[in-house]
């Protein structure tokens, strides 16, 4: 993997923060439903996994940014 520039890192962090916020909203929507179908339960779990992956990547990129 090639070395990312500071600007690329900042842009990726911004993109991931937006993605994380969108996933957070979707998870909240699922949590506010009275009943979830099995498909909705799977979708909710997938959203939570993707949200966590985005958060972990943001953390990694912020560490890279602070190291530069």
PDB file of N, CA and C in Angstrom:
ATOM      1  N   UNK A   1       0.837  -1.179   0.000  1.00  0.00           N
ATOM      2  CA  UNK A   1       0.000   0.000   0.000  1.00  0.00           C
ATOM      3  C   UNK A   1       0.885   1.245   0.000  1.00  0.00           C
ATOM      4  N   UNK A   2       0.529   2.196  -0.828  1.00  0.00           N
ATOM      5  CA  UNK A   2       1.348   3.400  -0.930  1.00  0.00           C
ATOM      6  C   UNK A   2       1.115   4.318   0.265  1.00  0.00           C
ATOM      7  N   UNK A   3       2.071   5.173   0.494  1.00  0.00           N
ATOM      8  CA  UNK A   3       1.999   6.138   1.594  1.00  0.00           C
ATOM      9  C   UNK A   3       0.955   7.203   1.275  1.00  0.00           C
ATOM     10  N   UNK A   4       0.082   7.464   2.205  1.00  0.00           N
ATOM     11  CA  UNK A   4      -0.951   8.483   2.018  1.00  0.00           C
ATOM     12  C   UNK A   4      -0.420   9.851   2.421  1.00  0.00           C
ATOM     13  N   UNK A   5      -0.844  10.878   1.694  1.00  0.00           N
ATOM     14  CA  UNK A   5      -0.469  12.234   2.076  1.00  0.00           C
ATOM     15  C   UNK A   5      -1.357  12.683   3.230  1.00  0.00           C
ATOM     16  N   UNK A   6      -0.933  13.736   3.882  1.00  0.00           N
ATOM     17  CA  UNK A   6      -1.702  14.296   4.994  1.00  0.00           C
ATOM     18  C   UNK A   6      -3.117  14.668   4.544  1.00  0.00           C
ATOM     19  N   UNK A   7      -3.228  15.265   3.348  1.00  0.00           N
ATOM     20  CA  UNK A   7      -4.530  15.671   2.827  1.00  0.00           C
ATOM     21  C   UNK A   7      -5.425  14.460   2.548  1.00  0.00           C
ATOM     22  N   UNK A   8      -4.835  13.392   2.028  1.00  0.00           N
ATOM     23  CA  UNK A   8      -5.599  12.166   1.765  1.00  0.00           C
ATOM     24  C   UNK A   8      -6.097  11.536   3.060  1.00  0.00           C
ATOM     25  N   UNK A   9      -5.256  11.578   4.079  1.00  0.00           N
ATOM     26  CA  UNK A   9      -5.653  11.029   5.379  1.00  0.00           C
ATOM     27  C   UNK A   9      -6.816  11.832   5.948  1.00  0.00           C
ATOM     28  N   UNK A  10      -6.709  13.158   5.899  1.00  0.00           N
ATOM     29  CA  UNK A  10      -7.774  14.019   6.428  1.00  0.00           C
ATOM     30  C   UNK A  10      -9.076  13.781   5.653  1.00  0.00           C
ATOM     31  N   UNK A  11      -8.977  13.677   4.329  1.00  0.00           N
ATOM     32  CA  UNK A  11     -10.165  13.439   3.502  1.00  0.00           C
ATOM     33  C   UNK A  11     -10.801  12.091   3.835  1.00  0.00           C
ATOM     34  N   UNK A  12      -9.986  11.071   4.029  1.00  0.00           N
ATOM     35  CA  UNK A  12     -10.501   9.737   4.365  1.00  0.00           C
ATOM     36  C   UNK A  12     -11.145   9.745   5.751  1.00  0.00           C
ATOM     37  N   UNK A  13     -10.549  10.444   6.701  1.00  0.00           N
ATOM     38  CA  UNK A  13     -11.145  10.552   8.039  1.00  0.00           C
ATOM     39  C   UNK A  13     -12.511  11.225   7.940  1.00  0.00           C
ATOM     40  N   UNK A  14     -12.603  12.303   7.176  1.00  0.00           N
ATOM     41  CA  UNK A  14     -13.887  12.997   7.005  1.00  0.00           C
ATOM     42  C   UNK A  14     -14.933  12.073   6.384  1.00  0.00           C
ATOM     43  N   UNK A  15     -14.528  11.328   5.352  1.00  0.00           N
ATOM     44  CA  UNK A  15     -15.457  10.409   4.686  1.00  0.00           C
ATOM     45  C   UNK A  15     -15.946   9.334   5.657  1.00  0.00           C
ATOM     46  N   UNK A  16     -15.001   8.798   6.419  1.00  0.00           N
ATOM     47  CA  UNK A  16     -15.355   7.743   7.369  1.00  0.00           C
ATOM     48  C   UNK A  16     -16.245   8.263   8.500  1.00  0.00           C
ATOM     49  N   UNK A  17     -16.018   9.495   8.927  1.00  0.00           N
ATOM     50  CA  UNK A  17     -16.873  10.069   9.973  1.00  0.00           C
ATOM     51  C   UNK A  17     -18.300  10.233   9.468  1.00  0.00           C
ATOM     52  N   UNK A  18     -18.456  10.626   8.203  1.00  0.00           N
ATOM     53  CA  UNK A  18     -19.795  10.743   7.616  1.00  0.00           C
ATOM     54  C   UNK A  18     -20.452   9.373   7.499  1.00  0.00           C
ATOM     55  N   UNK A  19     -19.671   8.398   7.069  1.00  0.00           N
ATOM     56  CA  UNK A  19     -20.179   7.023   6.961  1.00  0.00           C
ATOM     57  C   UNK A  19     -20.597   6.510   8.337  1.00  0.00           C
ATOM     58  N   UNK A  20     -19.763   6.759   9.342  1.00  0.00           N
ATOM     59  CA  UNK A  20     -20.052   6.326  10.707  1.00  0.00           C
ATOM     60  C   UNK A  20     -21.347   6.959  11.210  1.00  0.00           C
ATOM     61  N   UNK A  21     -21.533   8.257  10.944  1.00  0.00           N
ATOM     62  CA  UNK A  21     -22.746   8.954  11.380  1.00  0.00           C
ATOM     63  C   UNK A  21     -23.985   8.391  10.691  1.00  0.00           C
ATOM     64  N   UNK A  22     -23.866   8.086   9.401  1.00  0.00           N
ATOM     65  CA  UNK A  22     -24.999   7.517   8.661  1.00  0.00           C
ATOM     66  C   UNK A  22     -25.361   6.138   9.205  1.00  0.00           C
ATOM     67  N   UNK A  23     -24.350   5.343   9.492  1.00  0.00           N
ATOM     68  CA  UNK A  23     -24.595   4.016  10.060  1.00  0.00           C
ATOM     69  C   UNK A  23     -25.193   4.122  11.454  1.00  0.00           C
ATOM     70  N   UNK A  24     -24.738   5.091  12.230  1.00  0.00           N
ATOM     71  CA  UNK A  24     -25.279   5.314  13.566  1.00  0.00           C
ATOM     72  C   UNK A  24     -26.772   5.654  13.486  1.00  0.00           C
ATOM     73  N   UNK A  25     -27.130   6.476  12.521  1.00  0.00           N
ATOM     74  CA  UNK A  25     -28.542   6.830  12.328  1.00  0.00           C
ATOM     75  C   UNK A  25     -29.364   5.602  11.966  1.00  0.00           C
ATOM     76  N   UNK A  26     -28.806   4.767  11.094  1.00  0.00           N
ATOM     77  CA  UNK A  26     -29.523   3.551  10.679  1.00  0.00           C
ATOM     78  C   UNK A  26     -29.704   2.601  11.861  1.00  0.00           C
ATOM     79  N   UNK A  27     -28.659   2.439  12.671  1.00  0.00           N
ATOM     80  CA  UNK A  27     -28.754   1.578  13.853  1.00  0.00           C
ATOM     81  C   UNK A  27     -29.838   2.116  14.805  1.00  0.00           C
ATOM     82  N   UNK A  28     -29.861   3.430  14.983  1.00  0.00           N
ATOM     83  CA  UNK A  28     -30.872   4.052  15.843  1.00  0.00           C
ATOM     84  C   UNK A  28     -32.272   3.798  15.310  1.00  0.00           C
ATOM     85  N   UNK A  29     -32.429   3.871  13.988  1.00  0.00           N
ATOM     86  CA  UNK A  29     -33.729   3.574  13.384  1.00  0.00           C
ATOM     87  C   UNK A  29     -34.169   2.156  13.733  1.00  0.00           C
ATOM     88  N   UNK A  30     -33.249   1.204  13.596  1.00  0.00           N
ATOM     89  CA  UNK A  30     -33.581  -0.183  13.937  1.00  0.00           C
ATOM     90  C   UNK A  30     -33.934  -0.312  15.410  1.00  0.00           C
ATOM     91  N   UNK A  31     -33.178   0.363  16.278  1.00  0.00           N
ATOM     92  CA  UNK A  31     -33.421   0.260  17.717  1.00  0.00           C
ATOM     93  C   UNK A  31     -34.757   0.876  18.114  1.00  0.00           C
ATOM     94  N   UNK A  32     -35.248   1.838  17.348  1.00  0.00           N
ATOM     95  CA  UNK A  32     -36.514   2.485  17.661  1.00  0.00           C
ATOM     96  C   UNK A  32     -37.725   1.708  17.164  1.00  0.00           C
ATOM     97  N   UNK A  33     -37.485   0.668  16.381  1.00  0.00           N
ATOM     98  CA  UNK A  33     -38.596  -0.154  15.910  1.00  0.00           C
ATOM     99  C   UNK A  33     -39.038  -1.090  17.023  1.00  0.00           C
ATOM    100  N   UNK A  34     -40.342  -1.319  17.076  1.00  0.00           N
ATOM    101  CA  UNK A  34     -40.897  -2.198  18.104  1.00  0.00           C
ATOM    102  C   UNK A  34     -40.513  -3.646  17.845  1.00  0.00           C
ATOM    103  N   UNK A  35     -40.522  -4.020  16.583  1.00  0.00           N
ATOM    104  CA  UNK A  35     -40.231  -5.411  16.217  1.00  0.00           C
ATOM    105  C   UNK A  35     -39.346  -5.422  14.984  1.00  0.00           C
ATOM    106  N   UNK A  36     -38.364  -6.308  14.971  1.00  0.00           N
ATOM    107  CA  UNK A  36     -37.487  -6.448  13.809  1.00  0.00           C
ATOM    108  C   UNK A  36     -37.647  -7.840  13.208  1.00  0.00           C
ATOM    109  N   UNK A  37     -37.812  -7.882  11.903  1.00  0.00           N
ATOM    110  CA  UNK A  37     -37.852  -9.166  11.208  1.00  0.00           C
ATOM    111  C   UNK A  37     -36.450  -9.777  11.275  1.00  0.00           C
ATOM    112  N   UNK A  38     -36.348 -11.059  10.996  1.00  0.00           N
ATOM    113  CA  UNK A  38     -35.014 -11.669  10.981  1.00  0.00           C
ATOM    114  C   UNK A  38     -34.061 -10.958  10.003  1.00  0.00           C
ATOM    115  N   UNK A  39     -34.594 -10.512   8.870  1.00  0.00           N
ATOM    116  CA  UNK A  39     -33.773  -9.791   7.896  1.00  0.00           C
ATOM    117  C   UNK A  39     -33.300  -8.455   8.467  1.00  0.00           C
ATOM    118  N   UNK A  40     -34.195  -7.768   9.168  1.00  0.00           N
ATOM    119  CA  UNK A  40     -33.832  -6.496   9.792  1.00  0.00           C
ATOM    120  C   UNK A  40     -32.791  -6.697  10.896  1.00  0.00           C
ATOM    121  N   UNK A  41     -32.920  -7.787  11.630  1.00  0.00           N
ATOM    122  CA  UNK A  41     -31.943  -8.081  12.679  1.00  0.00           C
ATOM    123  C   UNK A  41     -30.554  -8.288  12.073  1.00  0.00           C
ATOM    124  N   UNK A  42     -30.501  -8.994  10.960  1.00  0.00           N
ATOM    125  CA  UNK A  42     -29.224  -9.218  10.274  1.00  0.00           C
ATOM    126  C   UNK A  42     -28.673  -7.893   9.755  1.00  0.00           C
ATOM    127  N   UNK A  43     -29.542  -7.080   9.162  1.00  0.00           N
ATOM    128  CA  UNK A  43     -29.113  -5.778   8.638  1.00  0.00           C
ATOM    129  C   UNK A  43     -28.604  -4.883   9.763  1.00  0.00           C
ATOM    130  N   UNK A  44     -29.272  -4.919  10.915  1.00  0.00           N
ATOM    131  CA  UNK A  44     -28.847  -4.120  12.056  1.00  0.00           C
ATOM    132  C   UNK A  44     -27.459  -4.561  12.525  1.00  0.00           C
ATOM    133  N   UNK A  45     -27.235  -5.858  12.607  1.00  0.00           N
ATOM    134  CA  UNK A  45     -25.921  -6.366  13.024  1.00  0.00           C
ATOM    135  C   UNK A  45     -24.845  -5.957  12.028  1.00  0.00           C
ATOM    136  N   UNK A  46     -25.183  -6.015  10.738  1.00  0.00           N
ATOM    137  CA  UNK A  46     -24.219  -5.622   9.710  1.00  0.00           C
ATOM    138  C   UNK A  46     -23.873  -4.136   9.834  1.00  0.00           C
ATOM    139  N   UNK A  47     -24.882  -3.313  10.091  1.00  0.00           N
ATOM    140  CA  UNK A  47     -24.640  -1.879  10.285  1.00  0.00           C
ATOM    141  C   UNK A  47     -23.717  -1.644  11.479  1.00  0.00           C
ATOM    142  N   UNK A  48     -23.945  -2.377  12.551  1.00  0.00           N
ATOM    143  CA  UNK A  48     -23.103  -2.232  13.739  1.00  0.00           C
ATOM    144  C   UNK A  48     -21.664  -2.644  13.445  1.00  0.00           C
ATOM    145  N   UNK A  49     -21.488  -3.728  12.677  1.00  0.00           N
ATOM    146  CA  UNK A  49     -20.140  -4.175  12.314  1.00  0.00           C
ATOM    147  C   UNK A  49     -19.436  -3.128  11.454  1.00  0.00           C
ATOM    148  N   UNK A  50     -20.154  -2.609  10.449  1.00  0.00           N
ATOM    149  CA  UNK A  50     -19.561  -1.601   9.567  1.00  0.00           C
ATOM    150  C   UNK A  50     -19.229  -0.331  10.333  1.00  0.00           C
ATOM    151  N   UNK A  51     -20.089   0.028  11.276  1.00  0.00           N
ATOM    152  CA  UNK A  51     -19.860   1.217  12.105  1.00  0.00           C
ATOM    153  C   UNK A  51     -18.577   1.042  12.926  1.00  0.00           C
ATOM    154  N   UNK A  52     -18.400  -0.129  13.497  1.00  0.00           N
ATOM    155  CA  UNK A  52     -17.197  -0.406  14.281  1.00  0.00           C
ATOM    156  C   UNK A  52     -15.950  -0.395  13.398  1.00  0.00           C
ATOM    157  N   UNK A  53     -16.045  -0.987  12.197  1.00  0.00           N
ATOM    158  CA  UNK A  53     -14.899  -0.978  11.280  1.00  0.00           C
ATOM    159  C   UNK A  53     -14.521   0.447  10.899  1.00  0.00           C
ATOM    160  N   UNK A  54     -15.519   1.289  10.665  1.00  0.00           N
ATOM    161  CA  UNK A  54     -15.245   2.691  10.320  1.00  0.00           C
ATOM    162  C   UNK A  54     -14.552   3.390  11.484  1.00  0.00           C
ATOM    163  N   UNK A  55     -15.037   3.142  12.700  1.00  0.00           N
ATOM    164  CA  UNK A  55     -14.447   3.775  13.880  1.00  0.00           C
ATOM    165  C   UNK A  55     -12.995   3.331  14.070  1.00  0.00           C
ATOM    166  N   UNK A  56     -12.736   2.038  13.863  1.00  0.00           N
ATOM    167  CA  UNK A  56     -11.375   1.527  13.997  1.00  0.00           C
ATOM    168  C   UNK A  56     -10.447   2.133  12.943  1.00  0.00           C
ATOM    169  N   UNK A  57     -10.952   2.279  11.718  1.00  0.00           N
ATOM    170  CA  UNK A  57     -10.140   2.867  10.652  1.00  0.00           C
ATOM    171  C   UNK A  57      -9.863   4.347  10.922  1.00  0.00           C
ATOM    172  N   UNK A  58     -10.860   5.054  11.449  1.00  0.00           N
ATOM    173  CA  UNK A  58     -10.659   6.461  11.819  1.00  0.00           C
ATOM    174  C   UNK A  58      -9.531   6.554  12.850  1.00  0.00           C
ATOM    175  N   UNK A  59      -9.579   5.677  13.841  1.00  0.00           N
ATOM    176  CA  UNK A  59      -8.547   5.665  14.876  1.00  0.00           C
ATOM    177  C   UNK A  59      -7.166   5.427  14.267  1.00  0.00           C
ATOM    178  N   UNK A  60      -7.060   4.441  13.347  1.00  0.00           N
ATOM    179  CA  UNK A  60      -5.786   4.147  12.702  1.00  0.00           C
ATOM    180  C   UNK A  60      -5.271   5.360  11.925  1.00  0.00           C
ATOM    181  N   UNK A  61      -6.159   5.997  11.164  1.00  0.00           N
ATOM    182  CA  UNK A  61      -5.765   7.143  10.360  1.00  0.00           C
ATOM    183  C   UNK A  61      -5.362   8.330  11.228  1.00  0.00           C
ATOM    184  N   UNK A  62      -6.072   8.525  12.334  1.00  0.00           N
ATOM    185  CA  UNK A  62      -5.710   9.616  13.239  1.00  0.00           C
ATOM    186  C   UNK A  62      -4.332   9.372  13.848  1.00  0.00           C
ATOM    187  N   UNK A  63      -4.005   8.129  14.145  1.00  0.00           N
ATOM    188  CA  UNK A  63      -2.663   7.799  14.638  1.00  0.00           C
ATOM    189  C   UNK A  63      -1.617   8.112  13.573  1.00  0.00           C
ATOM    190  N   UNK A  64      -1.910   7.771  12.313  1.00  0.00           N
ATOM    191  CA  UNK A  64      -0.993   8.066  11.213  1.00  0.00           C
ATOM    192  C   UNK A  64      -0.812   9.578  11.081  1.00  0.00           C
ATOM    193  N   UNK A  65      -1.904  10.303  11.197  1.00  0.00           N
ATOM    194  CA  UNK A  65      -1.882  11.749  11.051  1.00  0.00           C
ATOM    195  C   UNK A  65      -1.031  12.384  12.144  1.00  0.00           C
ATOM    196  N   UNK A  66      -1.179  11.906  13.369  1.00  0.00           N
ATOM    197  CA  UNK A  66      -0.414  12.446  14.491  1.00  0.00           C
ATOM    198  C   UNK A  66       1.074  12.084  14.413  1.00  0.00           C
ATOM    199  N   UNK A  67       1.382  10.994  13.703  1.00  0.00           N
ATOM    200  CA  UNK A  67       2.766  10.570  13.561  1.00  0.00           C
ATOM    201  C   UNK A  67       3.508  11.392  12.487  1.00  0.00           C
ATOM    202  N   UNK A  68       2.747  12.058  11.627  1.00  0.00           N
ATOM    203  CA  UNK A  68       3.376  12.834  10.534  1.00  0.00           C
ATOM    204  C   UNK A  68       3.797  14.193  11.013  1.00  0.00           C
TER     205      UNK A  68
END
